[in-house]
Amino acid sequence: MKTDVFDLKNKKTGTVELDDTVFGTEVREHLFYEVINWQRARRRAGTHKTKGRSEVRGGGRKPFKQKGTGRARQGTSRAPNMPGGGTVHGPTPRDYSYAMPKKKRRAALCSALSMKVHDSQLRIVDDLTFKETKTKFAIGVLDAFSAKKGLFVDTTTRDSGSNLVSHNESLRLSVRNLKNAKYLATEGLNVEDLLRYEILFLSQSAAEHIQEALKS
């Protein structure tokens, strides 16, 4: 399919050919639920922890004598049934992540991109580089396209010598203070952010990189 290409002021500058296997597939919404749950599970820290009776400090002495008090016998004040005692079967650190088939992740991402195209929420921009690092430039782009919330995606460059990754710093720094906008490198494109933000702004190079990575 052919899609219009715009500049930062929402003026048409040309067209670009998009692969139908990436931007024109069937929208399979049930995959969104599965993949977003998988994303959130991977982000969970899993650092929750409570102390059991062997970890609570104190309790070395018998709290009261065995007989003659009329109370139930107790061997330590740190037993789970005592105030300040340990927790029974409490949470311990664990990893919540689980595997998700690559084909399912790809299908969900293609469905989200295709939904953006179907809902006219995709904007291909010839160049997302700002002449200065200023938040007002990012706001200006949102205003020019009448977008309340925007997701900006651009490519990264990798230095073959040092293996360092370089981002579009003018874009990244200009967007980071906006609560209604976000910057992502093409490698970080994900279903949850695609659904969260209204308009998807792709640089022309990012669109080519994405369809090259996702096309079947």
C-alpha atoms as a PDB file:
ATOM      1  CA  MET A   1       0.000   0.000   0.000  1.00  0.00           C
ATOM      2  CA  LYS A   2       1.090   3.588  -0.585  1.00  0.00           C
ATOM      3  CA  THR A   3       1.044   6.071   2.290  1.00  0.00           C
ATOM      4  CA  ASP A   4       1.688   9.796   2.306  1.00  0.00           C
ATOM      5  CA  VAL A   5       4.868  11.188   3.830  1.00  0.00           C
ATOM      6  CA  PHE A   6       4.749  14.499   5.713  1.00  0.00           C
ATOM      7  CA  ASP A   7       7.207  16.965   7.151  1.00  0.00           C
ATOM      8  CA  LEU A   8       7.124  18.235  10.738  1.00  0.00           C
ATOM      9  CA  LYS A   9       4.558  20.909   9.771  1.00  0.00           C
ATOM     10  CA  ASN A  10       2.088  18.370   8.369  1.00  0.00           C
ATOM     11  CA  LYS A  11       2.802  19.212   4.739  1.00  0.00           C
ATOM     12  CA  LYS A  12       2.881  16.334   2.269  1.00  0.00           C
ATOM     13  CA  THR A  13       6.328  15.720   0.813  1.00  0.00           C
ATOM     14  CA  GLY A  14       5.828  12.417  -1.003  1.00  0.00           C
ATOM     15  CA  THR A  15       4.671   8.822  -0.629  1.00  0.00           C
ATOM     16  CA  VAL A  16       6.170   5.588   0.649  1.00  0.00           C
ATOM     17  CA  GLU A  17       5.308   1.961  -0.083  1.00  0.00           C
ATOM     18  CA  LEU A  18       4.365  -0.044   3.018  1.00  0.00           C
ATOM     19  CA  ASP A  19       4.352  -3.830   3.136  1.00  0.00           C
ATOM     20  CA  ASP A  20       0.842  -5.271   3.478  1.00  0.00           C
ATOM     21  CA  THR A  21       2.146  -8.188   5.536  1.00  0.00           C
ATOM     22  CA  VAL A  22       3.129  -5.705   8.264  1.00  0.00           C
ATOM     23  CA  PHE A  23       0.838  -2.680   7.930  1.00  0.00           C
ATOM     24  CA  GLY A  24      -2.158  -4.300   6.237  1.00  0.00           C
ATOM     25  CA  THR A  25      -2.788  -7.546   8.104  1.00  0.00           C
ATOM     26  CA  GLU A  26      -5.955  -8.706   9.870  1.00  0.00           C
ATOM     27  CA  VAL A  27      -6.361  -7.032  13.264  1.00  0.00           C
ATOM     28  CA  ARG A  28      -6.383  -9.847  15.834  1.00  0.00           C
ATOM     29  CA  GLU A  29      -7.329  -8.018  19.007  1.00  0.00           C
ATOM     30  CA  HIS A  30      -7.242 -11.104  21.233  1.00  0.00           C
ATOM     31  CA  LEU A  31      -3.458 -11.124  20.803  1.00  0.00           C
ATOM     32  CA  PHE A  32      -3.199  -7.671  22.397  1.00  0.00           C
ATOM     33  CA  TYR A  33      -4.384  -9.020  25.759  1.00  0.00           C
ATOM     34  CA  GLU A  34      -1.940 -11.921  25.689  1.00  0.00           C
ATOM     35  CA  VAL A  35       1.094  -9.894  24.646  1.00  0.00           C
ATOM     36  CA  ILE A  36       0.442  -6.978  27.028  1.00  0.00           C
ATOM     37  CA  ASN A  37       0.098  -9.411  29.941  1.00  0.00           C
ATOM     38  CA  TRP A  38       3.419 -10.934  28.866  1.00  0.00           C
ATOM     39  CA  GLN A  39       5.064  -7.495  28.705  1.00  0.00           C
ATOM     40  CA  ARG A  40       3.811  -6.528  32.165  1.00  0.00           C
ATOM     41  CA  ALA A  41       4.852  -9.845  33.669  1.00  0.00           C
ATOM     42  CA  ARG A  42       8.394  -9.304  32.393  1.00  0.00           C
ATOM     43  CA  ARG A  43       8.485  -5.865  34.021  1.00  0.00           C
ATOM     44  CA  ARG A  44       7.428  -7.097  37.465  1.00  0.00           C
ATOM     45  CA  ALA A  45      10.311  -6.753  39.912  1.00  0.00           C
ATOM     46  CA  GLY A  46       9.337  -9.797  41.969  1.00  0.00           C
ATOM     47  CA  THR A  47      11.291  -8.470  44.961  1.00  0.00           C
ATOM     48  CA  HIS A  48       8.474  -8.905  47.507  1.00  0.00           C
ATOM     49  CA  LYS A  49       9.569 -10.635  50.720  1.00  0.00           C
ATOM     50  CA  THR A  50       8.242 -11.322  54.216  1.00  0.00           C
ATOM     51  CA  LYS A  51      10.135 -12.936  57.089  1.00  0.00           C
ATOM     52  CA  GLY A  52       9.336 -16.405  58.329  1.00  0.00           C
ATOM     53  CA  ARG A  53       9.632 -17.450  61.970  1.00  0.00           C
ATOM     54  CA  SER A  54      13.301 -18.403  61.534  1.00  0.00           C
ATOM     55  CA  GLU A  55      14.157 -14.940  60.164  1.00  0.00           C
ATOM     56  CA  VAL A  56      12.447 -12.695  62.723  1.00  0.00           C
ATOM     57  CA  ARG A  57      14.818 -11.291  65.298  1.00  0.00           C
ATOM     58  CA  GLY A  58      14.439 -12.363  68.937  1.00  0.00           C
ATOM     59  CA  GLY A  59      12.267 -15.075  70.429  1.00  0.00           C
ATOM     60  CA  GLY A  60      15.104 -17.150  71.820  1.00  0.00           C
ATOM     61  CA  ARG A  61      13.591 -17.337  75.291  1.00  0.00           C
ATOM     62  CA  LYS A  62      10.381 -19.130  76.157  1.00  0.00           C
ATOM     63  CA  PRO A  63       7.787 -16.332  76.599  1.00  0.00           C
ATOM     64  CA  PHE A  64       6.237 -17.829  79.758  1.00  0.00           C
ATOM     65  CA  LYS A  65       6.381 -21.032  81.743  1.00  0.00           C
ATOM     66  CA  GLN A  66       4.858 -24.198  80.380  1.00  0.00           C
ATOM     67  CA  LYS A  67       2.215 -24.795  83.053  1.00  0.00           C
ATOM     68  CA  GLY A  68       0.137 -22.897  85.563  1.00  0.00           C
ATOM     69  CA  THR A  69      -0.701 -19.766  83.555  1.00  0.00           C
ATOM     70  CA  GLY A  70      -3.949 -20.969  81.997  1.00  0.00           C
ATOM     71  CA  ARG A  71      -2.615 -20.068  78.575  1.00  0.00           C
ATOM     72  CA  ALA A  72      -1.698 -22.276  75.661  1.00  0.00           C
ATOM     73  CA  ARG A  73       1.903 -23.378  75.755  1.00  0.00           C
ATOM     74  CA  GLN A  74       4.331 -21.370  73.633  1.00  0.00           C
ATOM     75  CA  GLY A  75       7.933 -22.055  72.765  1.00  0.00           C
ATOM     76  CA  THR A  76       8.851 -18.713  71.171  1.00  0.00           C
ATOM     77  CA  SER A  77       7.405 -15.233  70.840  1.00  0.00           C
ATOM     78  CA  ARG A  78       8.232 -15.290  67.145  1.00  0.00           C
ATOM     79  CA  ALA A  79       5.777 -18.046  66.241  1.00  0.00           C
ATOM     80  CA  PRO A  80       3.285 -17.025  63.517  1.00  0.00           C
ATOM     81  CA  ASN A  81       0.401 -16.912  65.994  1.00  0.00           C
ATOM     82  CA  MET A  82       2.183 -14.413  68.271  1.00  0.00           C
ATOM     83  CA  PRO A  83       2.289 -10.604  67.828  1.00  0.00           C
ATOM     84  CA  GLY A  84       5.466  -9.698  65.943  1.00  0.00           C
ATOM     85  CA  GLY A  85       5.941 -13.273  64.843  1.00  0.00           C
ATOM     86  CA  GLY A  86       6.924 -14.566  61.427  1.00  0.00           C
ATOM     87  CA  THR A  87       4.635 -14.912  58.409  1.00  0.00           C
ATOM     88  CA  VAL A  88       3.351 -18.284  57.241  1.00  0.00           C
ATOM     89  CA  HIS A  89       3.716 -18.958  53.504  1.00  0.00           C
ATOM     90  CA  GLY A  90       4.504 -15.291  52.809  1.00  0.00           C
ATOM     91  CA  PRO A  91       5.727 -13.997  49.417  1.00  0.00           C
ATOM     92  CA  THR A  92       9.341 -14.607  48.433  1.00  0.00           C
ATOM     93  CA  PRO A  93      11.382 -13.171  45.539  1.00  0.00           C
ATOM     94  CA  ARG A  94      10.452 -14.762  42.214  1.00  0.00           C
ATOM     95  CA  ASP A  95      10.625 -14.203  38.478  1.00  0.00           C
ATOM     96  CA  TYR A  96       7.209 -13.553  36.913  1.00  0.00           C
ATOM     97  CA  SER A  97       8.377 -13.624  33.302  1.00  0.00           C
ATOM     98  CA  TYR A  98       7.381 -16.428  30.966  1.00  0.00           C
ATOM     99  CA  ALA A  99       7.975 -17.376  27.358  1.00  0.00           C
ATOM    100  CA  MET A 100       5.888 -16.056  24.482  1.00  0.00           C
ATOM    101  CA  PRO A 101       6.261 -17.496  20.954  1.00  0.00           C
ATOM    102  CA  LYS A 102       7.998 -15.110  18.557  1.00  0.00           C
ATOM    103  CA  LYS A 103       5.325 -15.658  15.905  1.00  0.00           C
ATOM    104  CA  LYS A 104       2.601 -14.576  18.314  1.00  0.00           C
ATOM    105  CA  ARG A 105       4.563 -11.464  19.367  1.00  0.00           C
ATOM    106  CA  ARG A 106       5.159 -10.557  15.713  1.00  0.00           C
ATOM    107  CA  ALA A 107       1.501 -11.118  14.830  1.00  0.00           C
ATOM    108  CA  ALA A 108       0.364  -8.878  17.705  1.00  0.00           C
ATOM    109  CA  LEU A 109       2.764  -6.112  16.671  1.00  0.00           C
ATOM    110  CA  CYS A 110       1.658  -6.297  13.037  1.00  0.00           C
ATOM    111  CA  SER A 111      -1.983  -6.231  14.154  1.00  0.00           C
ATOM    112  CA  ALA A 112      -1.369  -3.097  16.243  1.00  0.00           C
ATOM    113  CA  LEU A 113       0.404  -1.361  13.333  1.00  0.00           C
ATOM    114  CA  SER A 114      -2.363  -2.382  10.921  1.00  0.00           C
ATOM    115  CA  MET A 115      -4.981  -1.041  13.325  1.00  0.00           C
ATOM    116  CA  LYS A 116      -3.184   2.316  13.333  1.00  0.00           C
ATOM    117  CA  VAL A 117      -3.341   2.378   9.544  1.00  0.00           C
ATOM    118  CA  HIS A 118      -6.996   1.318   9.510  1.00  0.00           C
ATOM    119  CA  ASP A 119      -7.931   4.020  12.058  1.00  0.00           C
ATOM    120  CA  SER A 120      -5.894   6.705  10.202  1.00  0.00           C
ATOM    121  CA  GLN A 121      -3.611   7.111  13.217  1.00  0.00           C
ATOM    122  CA  LEU A 122      -0.299   6.517  11.450  1.00  0.00           C
ATOM    123  CA  ARG A 123       1.840   9.439  10.283  1.00  0.00           C
ATOM    124  CA  ILE A 124       5.024   8.858   8.283  1.00  0.00           C
ATOM    125  CA  VAL A 125       7.400  11.816   8.707  1.00  0.00           C
ATOM    126  CA  ASP A 126      10.341  12.289   6.363  1.00  0.00           C
ATOM    127  CA  ASP A 127      12.698  13.330   9.193  1.00  0.00           C
ATOM    128  CA  LEU A 128      12.039  13.520  12.947  1.00  0.00           C
ATOM    129  CA  THR A 129      15.241  15.378  13.763  1.00  0.00           C
ATOM    130  CA  PHE A 130      14.715  18.771  15.406  1.00  0.00           C
ATOM    131  CA  LYS A 131      17.101  21.641  14.731  1.00  0.00           C
ATOM    132  CA  GLU A 132      17.295  22.242  18.502  1.00  0.00           C
ATOM    133  CA  THR A 133      16.537  20.198  21.582  1.00  0.00           C
ATOM    134  CA  LYS A 134      13.402  21.955  22.786  1.00  0.00           C
ATOM    135  CA  THR A 135      10.120  20.597  24.149  1.00  0.00           C
ATOM    136  CA  LYS A 136       8.202  23.260  22.219  1.00  0.00           C
ATOM    137  CA  PHE A 137       9.249  21.623  18.936  1.00  0.00           C
ATOM    138  CA  ALA A 138       7.651  18.331  20.019  1.00  0.00           C
ATOM    139  CA  ILE A 139       4.529  20.210  21.109  1.00  0.00           C
ATOM    140  CA  GLY A 140       4.512  21.962  17.734  1.00  0.00           C
ATOM    141  CA  VAL A 141       4.481  18.616  15.901  1.00  0.00           C
ATOM    142  CA  LEU A 142       1.574  17.365  18.028  1.00  0.00           C
ATOM    143  CA  ASP A 143      -0.338  20.581  17.357  1.00  0.00           C
ATOM    144  CA  ALA A 144       0.390  20.487  13.615  1.00  0.00           C
ATOM    145  CA  PHE A 145      -1.121  17.004  13.358  1.00  0.00           C
ATOM    146  CA  SER A 146      -3.927  17.743  15.887  1.00  0.00           C
ATOM    147  CA  ALA A 147      -2.715  14.881  18.070  1.00  0.00           C
ATOM    148  CA  LYS A 148      -3.604  14.756  21.762  1.00  0.00           C
ATOM    149  CA  LYS A 149      -1.168  11.900  22.453  1.00  0.00           C
ATOM    150  CA  GLY A 150       1.724  10.841  20.254  1.00  0.00           C
ATOM    151  CA  LEU A 151       4.284   8.054  20.070  1.00  0.00           C
ATOM    152  CA  PHE A 152       7.472   9.069  18.230  1.00  0.00           C
ATOM    153  CA  VAL A 153       9.567   6.251  16.771  1.00  0.00           C
ATOM    154  CA  ASP A 154      12.908   6.687  15.027  1.00  0.00           C
ATOM    155  CA  THR A 155      15.868   4.503  14.116  1.00  0.00           C
ATOM    156  CA  THR A 156      19.134   4.212  16.004  1.00  0.00           C
ATOM    157  CA  THR A 157      22.672   3.999  14.667  1.00  0.00           C
ATOM    158  CA  ARG A 158      25.309   1.608  15.974  1.00  0.00           C
ATOM    159  CA  ASP A 159      29.024   2.371  15.935  1.00  0.00           C
ATOM    160  CA  SER A 160      30.739  -0.735  14.594  1.00  0.00           C
ATOM    161  CA  GLY A 161      33.975   0.122  16.386  1.00  0.00           C
ATOM    162  CA  SER A 162      32.727   0.789  19.934  1.00  0.00           C
ATOM    163  CA  ASN A 163      29.355  -1.010  19.528  1.00  0.00           C
ATOM    164  CA  LEU A 164      27.624   2.039  21.015  1.00  0.00           C
ATOM    165  CA  VAL A 165      24.022   2.829  20.071  1.00  0.00           C
ATOM    166  CA  SER A 166      23.174   6.441  19.172  1.00  0.00           C
ATOM    167  CA  HIS A 167      19.595   7.698  19.482  1.00  0.00           C
ATOM    168  CA  ASN A 168      17.937  10.699  17.892  1.00  0.00           C
ATOM    169  CA  GLU A 169      18.894  12.829  20.886  1.00  0.00           C
ATOM    170  CA  SER A 170      17.109  16.000  19.764  1.00  0.00           C
ATOM    171  CA  LEU A 171      13.852  14.045  19.550  1.00  0.00           C
ATOM    172  CA  ARG A 172      14.377  11.938  22.662  1.00  0.00           C
ATOM    173  CA  LEU A 173      15.219  14.872  24.907  1.00  0.00           C
ATOM    174  CA  SER A 174      12.477  17.080  23.465  1.00  0.00           C
ATOM    175  CA  VAL A 175       9.779  14.491  24.129  1.00  0.00           C
ATOM    176  CA  ARG A 176      10.800  13.173  27.548  1.00  0.00           C
ATOM    177  CA  ASN A 177       9.113  15.949  29.571  1.00  0.00           C
ATOM    178  CA  LEU A 178       5.726  15.513  27.885  1.00  0.00           C
ATOM    179  CA  LYS A 179       3.188  13.344  29.694  1.00  0.00           C
ATOM    180  CA  ASN A 180       1.149  12.903  26.500  1.00  0.00           C
ATOM    181  CA  ALA A 181       4.056  11.821  24.281  1.00  0.00           C
ATOM    182  CA  LYS A 182       6.811   9.235  24.272  1.00  0.00           C
ATOM    183  CA  TYR A 183       9.936   8.431  22.261  1.00  0.00           C
ATOM    184  CA  LEU A 184      10.933   4.892  21.307  1.00  0.00           C
ATOM    185  CA  ALA A 185      13.693   3.468  19.188  1.00  0.00           C
ATOM    186  CA  THR A 186      12.494   1.002  16.545  1.00  0.00           C
ATOM    187  CA  GLU A 187      13.975  -1.849  18.604  1.00  0.00           C
ATOM    188  CA  GLY A 188      11.725  -0.907  21.531  1.00  0.00           C
ATOM    189  CA  LEU A 189       8.442  -0.705  19.616  1.00  0.00           C
ATOM    190  CA  ASN A 190       5.800  -2.649  21.533  1.00  0.00           C
ATOM    191  CA  VAL A 191       2.055  -3.344  21.533  1.00  0.00           C
ATOM    192  CA  GLU A 192       1.247  -1.644  24.839  1.00  0.00           C
ATOM    193  CA  ASP A 193       2.661   1.736  23.803  1.00  0.00           C
ATOM    194  CA  LEU A 194       1.058   1.474  20.356  1.00  0.00           C
ATOM    195  CA  LEU A 195      -2.353   1.104  21.989  1.00  0.00           C
ATOM    196  CA  ARG A 196      -1.723   3.738  24.664  1.00  0.00           C
ATOM    197  CA  TYR A 197      -0.878   6.644  22.357  1.00  0.00           C
ATOM    198  CA  GLU A 198      -3.330   8.001  19.807  1.00  0.00           C
ATOM    199  CA  ILE A 199      -1.068   8.948  16.881  1.00  0.00           C
ATOM    200  CA  LEU A 200       1.988   6.957  15.824  1.00  0.00           C
ATOM    201  CA  PHE A 201       4.730   9.121  14.298  1.00  0.00           C
ATOM    202  CA  LEU A 202       7.230   7.051  12.320  1.00  0.00           C
ATOM    203  CA  SER A 203      10.221   8.490  10.564  1.00  0.00           C
ATOM    204  CA  GLN A 204      10.537   7.200   7.020  1.00  0.00           C
ATOM    205  CA  SER A 205      13.684   5.286   7.934  1.00  0.00           C
ATOM    206  CA  ALA A 206      11.922   3.792  10.976  1.00  0.00           C
ATOM    207  CA  ALA A 207       9.022   2.568   8.822  1.00  0.00           C
ATOM    208  CA  GLU A 208      11.453   0.866   6.450  1.00  0.00           C
ATOM    209  CA  HIS A 209      13.377  -0.687   9.357  1.00  0.00           C
ATOM    210  CA  ILE A 210      10.205  -1.987  11.043  1.00  0.00           C
ATOM    211  CA  GLN A 211       8.758  -3.622   7.950  1.00  0.00           C
ATOM    212  CA  GLU A 212      12.128  -5.140   7.104  1.00  0.00           C
ATOM    213  CA  ALA A 213      12.265  -6.701  10.585  1.00  0.00           C
ATOM    214  CA  LEU A 214       8.644  -7.874  10.698  1.00  0.00           C
ATOM    215  CA  LYS A 215       7.729  -8.865   7.154  1.00  0.00           C
ATOM    216  CA  SER A 216       7.178 -12.571   6.600  1.00  0.00           C
END
